[in-house]
Amino acid sequence: MYLLNHDNPDQIEETTFAELGKKENYIEEILRKNVNMVCDDDESMLIVGQQIKNEKNGRSDLTAIDDEGNIVLIEIKRDKKDIEQRKEAFEFQAIRYAASCATIKSTDELIQNVFAPYVEKHKIEFQGNKTLTSTEIAQRVLSDFIKENNIKTFNEHQKIVLVAAEFDEQTLSAVAWLNSNQVDISCYQVKPYKLGVQVLLDMKKILPVPEFDDFYVSIAKQKPLNRNKKKDITRRSLPKIDTMISWGVVKPGTQLVAKGKTDEAILQENGQVKVMTTGTIQSLQQWLKTVYGWSSVETYTFAIDKTSGKSLSDIRADYMEKNQ
């Protein structure tokens, strides 16, 4: 659950975005600044576009690139009513936008047509690069993201993320079928709650989820998935830092360093870290996002145990392999 507009605690009440007077652009802005809300544990994304228009005047909500070099379309609907009232199905609208993104063949094209306009629109967020043009900033940020994530290919596949407070059965059925037929599409449910004057958001992945893997495989038996199924499941089910602390493979007080950087932090008992430069307590994800300047970071790969030189991802994998 994500807490917004922090205030004194009070009783939590379920609500809707309509009751709050919030439209789709409210959810869009939250996800634009917190794309990790729709990332798996060991996944990184960089937002590169917003409200991108194709040649037929169709507009996609958010555009990102993931840590495998693929373009990700994030489409948002406020609630089930908004989905059902559309003439075109939610999922097929997203597929149409993904097809447009499939025409982007190079990072230069992505920068020119998508990322540079996005940087120009939100230039105040890139104020550390005041002397550079929007194109130069986009080139630098994207180059850093590609280098740090060791990306070797670009946009060989496209991914779709659908976000809504509630999904209708037809959309979920269509997404389940698309998943079984090799389309990388997922559904995230975001529900708002009131806590006094605060708004809390509960984000939950609906499809695909680990318990449905057997169901998807049975549908696709005659056309097996080409992607690495083991990796896909692992990303969704790997233990997090609090579990690693309970195992004893990392301990409170462990010195962590950001991969390829000099920035350091100290692991705390609750799984958060104390940032050495500021003394603030943050989550691993928040700390690394600040260090790299990305929308989301592959947390366990980019957090390195200073003593052993191993990433948290490698430490976790070693322990799990020895204790299977």
Protein backbone atom coordinates (compact mmCIF):
# COMPACT_ATOMS: atom_id res chain seq x y z
CA MET A 1 0.00 0.00 0.00
CA TYR A 2 1.34 3.47 -0.93
CA LEU A 3 0.70 6.43 1.39
CA LEU A 4 0.15 9.89 -0.12
CA ASN A 5 -0.17 13.28 1.60
CA HIS A 6 1.14 12.04 4.96
CA ASP A 7 -0.82 13.28 7.99
CA ASN A 8 -1.89 11.93 11.39
CA PRO A 9 -3.29 8.38 11.30
CA ASP A 10 -7.04 7.79 11.37
CA GLN A 11 -9.53 5.08 10.42
CA ILE A 12 -9.03 3.66 6.93
CA GLU A 13 -12.09 3.85 4.68
CA GLU A 14 -12.45 2.34 1.21
CA THR A 15 -13.37 4.90 -1.45
CA THR A 16 -13.25 5.41 -5.23
CA PHE A 17 -11.40 7.83 -7.46
CA ALA A 18 -14.79 9.18 -8.59
CA GLU A 19 -15.77 9.93 -4.99
CA LEU A 20 -12.43 11.67 -4.52
CA GLY A 21 -13.10 13.74 -7.64
CA LYS A 22 -10.00 12.30 -9.32
CA LYS A 23 -9.72 11.46 -13.01
CA GLU A 24 -7.35 9.24 -14.99
CA ASN A 25 -4.67 11.92 -15.16
CA TYR A 26 -4.39 11.79 -11.35
CA ILE A 27 -3.45 8.09 -11.48
CA GLU A 28 -1.24 8.74 -14.50
CA GLU A 29 0.81 11.34 -12.65
CA ILE A 30 1.30 9.07 -9.64
CA LEU A 31 2.55 6.24 -11.86
CA ARG A 32 4.72 8.59 -13.89
CA LYS A 33 6.62 9.50 -10.74
CA ASN A 34 6.43 6.02 -9.15
CA VAL A 35 6.64 3.50 -11.99
CA ASN A 36 8.08 0.95 -9.54
CA MET A 37 4.46 0.44 -8.44
CA VAL A 38 3.98 -1.65 -11.61
CA CYS A 39 7.43 -3.29 -11.58
CA ASP A 40 8.24 -6.78 -10.39
CA ASP A 41 10.79 -7.02 -7.56
CA ASP A 42 13.88 -7.34 -9.76
CA GLU A 43 12.71 -5.19 -12.63
CA SER A 44 13.75 -1.67 -13.69
CA MET A 45 11.83 0.78 -15.85
CA LEU A 46 12.55 4.27 -17.09
CA ILE A 47 9.61 6.47 -18.07
CA VAL A 48 10.39 8.00 -21.47
CA GLY A 49 7.02 9.30 -22.70
CA GLN A 50 3.61 10.61 -21.73
CA GLN A 51 0.51 11.04 -23.90
CA ILE A 52 2.41 10.04 -27.03
CA LYS A 53 0.31 10.46 -30.17
CA ASN A 54 0.52 8.09 -33.15
CA GLU A 55 -0.21 8.98 -36.78
CA LYS A 56 -3.93 8.19 -36.31
CA ASN A 57 -4.14 10.56 -33.32
CA GLY A 58 -4.36 7.76 -30.77
CA ARG A 59 -2.73 8.71 -27.46
CA SER A 60 -1.00 6.31 -25.08
CA ASP A 61 -0.84 7.23 -21.39
CA LEU A 62 2.74 6.39 -20.34
CA THR A 63 5.65 4.91 -22.24
CA ALA A 64 8.67 3.29 -20.59
CA ILE A 65 11.69 1.16 -21.42
CA ASP A 66 12.48 -1.86 -19.25
CA ASP A 67 15.79 -3.44 -18.21
CA GLU A 68 15.71 -5.77 -21.23
CA GLY A 69 15.47 -2.90 -23.72
CA ASN A 70 11.78 -3.38 -24.50
CA ILE A 71 9.23 -0.59 -24.78
CA VAL A 72 6.44 -0.78 -22.20
CA LEU A 73 3.00 0.77 -22.71
CA ILE A 74 1.17 1.69 -19.49
CA GLU A 75 -2.54 2.31 -20.05
CA ILE A 76 -4.83 3.61 -17.32
CA LYS A 77 -8.57 3.59 -16.72
CA ARG A 78 -10.12 5.00 -13.57
CA ASP A 79 -12.65 2.22 -12.91
CA LYS A 80 -14.73 -0.57 -14.44
CA LYS A 81 -17.39 1.87 -15.61
CA ASP A 82 -14.82 3.78 -17.66
CA ILE A 83 -13.65 0.50 -19.21
CA GLU A 84 -17.14 -0.72 -20.09
CA GLN A 85 -18.24 2.62 -21.58
CA ARG A 86 -15.44 2.66 -24.16
CA LYS A 87 -16.36 1.72 -27.71
CA GLU A 88 -12.98 -0.03 -28.05
CA ALA A 89 -11.94 -2.67 -25.53
CA PHE A 90 -9.32 -1.53 -22.98
CA GLU A 91 -6.84 -4.27 -23.88
CA PHE A 92 -7.19 -3.80 -27.64
CA GLN A 93 -6.64 -0.07 -27.33
CA ALA A 94 -3.34 -0.87 -25.58
CA ILE A 95 -2.42 -3.44 -28.24
CA ARG A 96 -2.94 -0.83 -30.94
CA TYR A 97 -0.55 1.56 -29.16
CA ALA A 98 1.98 -1.25 -28.64
CA ALA A 99 1.86 -1.94 -32.37
CA SER A 100 2.76 1.70 -33.01
CA CYS A 101 5.72 1.42 -30.61
CA ALA A 102 6.91 -1.69 -32.45
CA THR A 103 7.83 0.64 -35.34
CA ILE A 104 10.50 2.35 -33.19
CA LYS A 105 13.69 0.65 -34.38
CA SER A 106 16.48 2.59 -32.68
CA THR A 107 17.25 4.49 -29.48
CA ASP A 108 17.83 7.62 -31.59
CA GLU A 109 14.27 7.36 -32.87
CA LEU A 110 12.97 6.84 -29.34
CA ILE A 111 14.85 9.90 -28.13
CA GLN A 112 13.77 12.15 -30.99
CA ASN A 113 10.07 11.23 -31.10
CA VAL A 114 9.32 10.22 -27.51
CA PHE A 115 11.91 10.87 -24.80
CA ALA A 116 13.20 14.35 -25.71
CA PRO A 117 9.65 15.81 -25.86
CA TYR A 118 8.97 14.18 -22.47
CA VAL A 119 12.13 15.74 -20.97
CA GLU A 120 11.15 19.12 -22.41
CA LYS A 121 7.69 18.82 -20.81
CA HIS A 122 9.16 17.96 -17.39
CA LYS A 123 12.47 19.82 -17.66
CA ILE A 124 12.27 21.10 -14.10
CA GLU A 125 12.71 17.46 -12.98
CA PHE A 126 16.00 17.33 -14.89
CA GLN A 127 17.28 20.64 -13.51
CA GLY A 128 20.67 19.10 -12.67
CA ASN A 129 21.43 19.36 -16.41
CA LYS A 130 20.62 23.06 -16.98
CA THR A 131 23.25 23.56 -19.69
CA LEU A 132 22.04 20.66 -21.86
CA THR A 133 19.21 20.57 -24.37
CA SER A 134 16.27 18.22 -23.86
CA THR A 135 17.67 15.90 -26.53
CA GLU A 136 21.08 15.83 -24.86
CA ILE A 137 19.53 15.10 -21.45
CA ALA A 138 17.43 12.30 -22.94
CA GLN A 139 20.50 10.82 -24.63
CA ARG A 140 22.51 10.91 -21.41
CA VAL A 141 19.77 9.44 -19.17
CA LEU A 142 18.89 6.67 -21.63
CA SER A 143 22.56 5.84 -22.22
CA ASP A 144 23.13 5.51 -18.46
CA PHE A 145 20.07 3.28 -18.09
CA ILE A 146 21.22 1.02 -20.96
CA LYS A 147 24.78 0.80 -19.64
CA GLU A 148 23.88 0.12 -16.01
CA ASN A 149 21.35 -2.57 -16.96
CA ASN A 150 23.71 -4.13 -19.52
CA ILE A 151 21.04 -3.93 -22.24
CA LYS A 152 22.19 -5.56 -25.49
CA THR A 153 19.04 -5.37 -27.63
CA PHE A 154 16.42 -2.72 -28.24
CA ASN A 155 12.65 -3.06 -28.56
CA GLU A 156 12.61 -6.64 -29.81
CA HIS A 157 9.36 -7.11 -27.91
CA GLN A 158 6.76 -4.79 -26.47
CA LYS A 159 5.03 -5.05 -23.10
CA ILE A 160 1.65 -3.78 -21.96
CA VAL A 161 0.60 -2.84 -18.43
CA LEU A 162 -3.09 -2.11 -17.75
CA VAL A 163 -3.97 -0.21 -14.57
CA ALA A 164 -7.47 0.34 -13.16
CA ALA A 165 -9.30 0.43 -9.84
CA GLU A 166 -11.45 -2.47 -11.04
CA PHE A 167 -11.48 -4.69 -14.14
CA ASP A 168 -14.48 -6.18 -15.88
CA GLU A 169 -14.55 -9.94 -16.50
CA GLN A 170 -14.20 -9.60 -20.28
CA THR A 171 -10.95 -7.65 -19.95
CA LEU A 172 -9.47 -10.17 -17.50
CA SER A 173 -10.54 -13.06 -19.72
CA ALA A 174 -8.96 -11.43 -22.78
CA VAL A 175 -5.71 -10.65 -20.92
CA ALA A 176 -5.46 -14.25 -19.63
CA TRP A 177 -5.89 -15.53 -23.18
CA LEU A 178 -3.35 -13.03 -24.58
CA ASN A 179 -0.84 -14.13 -21.93
CA SER A 180 -1.27 -17.75 -22.94
CA ASN A 181 -0.55 -16.75 -26.52
CA GLN A 182 2.76 -15.02 -25.85
CA VAL A 183 1.55 -11.43 -25.49
CA ASP A 184 3.31 -9.81 -22.52
CA ILE A 185 0.40 -7.99 -20.89
CA SER A 186 -0.43 -7.56 -17.22
CA CYS A 187 -3.22 -6.06 -15.10
CA TYR A 188 -2.66 -4.03 -11.94
CA GLN A 189 -5.52 -3.06 -9.65
CA VAL A 190 -5.06 0.25 -7.82
CA LYS A 191 -7.61 0.96 -5.10
CA PRO A 192 -7.82 4.20 -3.10
CA TYR A 193 -8.50 4.45 0.63
CA LYS A 194 -9.05 7.43 2.91
CA LEU A 195 -7.13 7.83 6.15
CA GLY A 196 -8.38 11.09 7.59
CA VAL A 197 -7.28 13.70 5.05
CA GLN A 198 -4.76 11.31 3.53
CA VAL A 199 -5.16 9.14 0.47
CA LEU A 200 -3.63 5.65 0.42
CA LEU A 201 -3.25 3.54 -2.70
CA ASP A 202 -3.23 -0.25 -2.64
CA MET A 203 -1.58 -1.66 -5.78
CA LYS A 204 -2.04 -5.35 -6.56
CA LYS A 205 -1.03 -7.40 -9.59
CA ILE A 206 -4.06 -9.30 -10.90
CA LEU A 207 -2.63 -10.95 -14.03
CA PRO A 208 -0.39 -12.78 -14.59
CA VAL A 209 0.28 -14.21 -11.12
CA PRO A 210 2.23 -17.31 -10.04
CA GLU A 211 -0.81 -19.37 -9.03
CA PHE A 212 -2.17 -19.12 -12.56
CA ASP A 213 1.03 -20.31 -14.30
CA ASP A 214 -0.25 -23.86 -14.68
CA PHE A 215 -3.46 -22.52 -16.18
CA TYR A 216 -1.58 -20.50 -18.79
CA VAL A 217 0.70 -23.40 -19.68
CA SER A 218 -2.24 -25.74 -20.19
CA ILE A 219 -3.80 -23.30 -22.65
CA ALA A 220 -0.58 -22.90 -24.57
CA LYS A 221 0.55 -26.54 -24.76
CA GLN A 222 0.54 -26.65 -28.54
CA LYS A 223 2.28 -23.29 -28.77
CA PRO A 224 4.79 -23.15 -25.89
CA LEU A 225 6.16 -19.86 -24.66
CA ASN A 226 9.55 -18.91 -26.09
CA ARG A 227 10.40 -16.72 -23.15
CA ASN A 228 12.24 -18.04 -20.10
CA LYS A 229 9.35 -19.21 -17.88
CA LYS A 230 11.56 -19.90 -14.88
CA LYS A 231 12.90 -16.36 -14.91
CA ASP A 232 9.39 -14.91 -15.21
CA ILE A 233 8.07 -16.83 -12.21
CA THR A 234 11.20 -16.08 -10.17
CA ARG A 235 10.81 -12.34 -10.63
CA ARG A 236 7.35 -12.47 -9.12
CA SER A 237 8.11 -14.79 -6.20
CA LEU A 238 11.69 -14.08 -5.00
CA PRO A 239 12.03 -13.35 -1.28
CA LYS A 240 12.53 -9.71 -0.33
CA ILE A 241 15.12 -8.07 1.91
CA ASP A 242 13.20 -8.68 5.17
CA THR A 243 13.26 -12.42 4.44
CA MET A 244 16.98 -12.28 3.60
CA ILE A 245 17.60 -10.63 6.98
CA SER A 246 15.59 -13.37 8.73
CA TRP A 247 17.73 -15.99 6.92
CA GLY A 248 20.86 -14.28 8.23
CA VAL A 249 22.45 -13.96 4.78
CA VAL A 250 22.55 -10.18 5.28
CA LYS A 251 22.45 -8.40 8.60
CA PRO A 252 21.49 -4.98 9.92
CA GLY A 253 24.59 -2.81 9.69
CA THR A 254 25.69 -4.29 6.37
CA GLN A 255 27.34 -1.64 4.20
CA LEU A 256 25.79 -1.41 0.75
CA VAL A 257 27.16 0.45 -2.25
CA ALA A 258 25.31 1.34 -5.45
CA LYS A 259 26.69 -0.64 -8.41
CA GLY A 260 29.22 1.39 -10.36
CA LYS A 261 28.87 4.34 -7.95
CA THR A 262 30.45 5.50 -4.72
CA ASP A 263 27.14 6.11 -2.93
CA GLU A 264 26.79 4.02 0.24
CA ALA A 265 24.02 3.11 2.68
CA ILE A 266 23.69 1.03 5.83
CA LEU A 267 21.08 -1.74 5.99
CA GLN A 268 18.56 -1.35 8.85
CA GLU A 269 16.63 -3.99 10.82
CA ASN A 270 13.39 -3.26 8.95
CA GLY A 271 15.00 -3.72 5.51
CA GLN A 272 15.35 -0.02 4.79
CA VAL A 273 18.70 1.75 4.51
CA LYS A 274 20.37 4.76 6.10
CA VAL A 275 21.86 6.91 3.33
CA MET A 276 25.41 7.89 4.29
CA THR A 277 25.42 11.27 2.54
CA THR A 278 22.18 12.56 4.09
CA GLY A 279 21.54 10.37 7.13
CA THR A 280 17.95 9.79 5.95
CA ILE A 281 16.16 6.43 6.17
CA GLN A 282 14.75 5.19 2.85
CA SER A 283 13.74 1.99 1.12
CA LEU A 284 16.34 0.32 -1.08
CA GLN A 285 14.28 1.27 -4.14
CA GLN A 286 14.03 4.95 -3.14
CA TRP A 287 17.75 5.20 -2.40
CA LEU A 288 18.82 3.65 -5.70
CA LYS A 289 16.28 5.63 -7.73
CA THR A 290 17.84 8.80 -6.31
CA VAL A 291 21.38 7.61 -7.01
CA TYR A 292 20.73 6.69 -10.65
CA GLY A 293 18.01 9.20 -11.46
CA TRP A 294 15.75 6.52 -12.96
CA SER A 295 12.02 5.92 -12.57
CA SER A 296 12.68 2.44 -11.17
CA VAL A 297 15.76 0.36 -10.40
CA GLU A 298 16.48 -3.37 -10.35
CA THR A 299 17.02 -3.11 -6.61
CA TYR A 300 18.67 -6.41 -5.74
CA THR A 301 21.04 -6.28 -8.71
CA PHE A 302 22.23 -2.72 -8.10
CA ALA A 303 22.65 -2.96 -4.30
CA ILE A 304 26.13 -4.40 -3.63
CA ASP A 305 27.43 -5.78 -0.32
CA LYS A 306 30.59 -3.68 0.10
CA THR A 307 32.45 -6.41 2.00
CA SER A 308 31.86 -9.35 -0.37
CA GLY A 309 31.40 -7.38 -3.58
CA LYS A 310 28.30 -9.46 -4.35
CA SER A 311 24.91 -8.03 -5.28
CA LEU A 312 21.93 -8.79 -3.06
CA SER A 313 20.54 -10.73 -6.01
CA ASP A 314 23.62 -13.01 -6.13
CA ILE A 315 23.63 -13.45 -2.34
CA ARG A 316 19.97 -14.45 -2.43
CA ALA A 317 20.46 -16.83 -5.37
CA ASP A 318 23.46 -18.53 -3.69
CA TYR A 319 21.48 -19.12 -0.49
CA MET A 320 18.42 -20.43 -2.32
CA GLU A 321 20.51 -22.80 -4.45
CA LYS A 322 22.25 -24.23 -1.39
CA ASN A 323 19.03 -24.66 0.56
CA GLN A 324 16.64 -26.02 -2.09
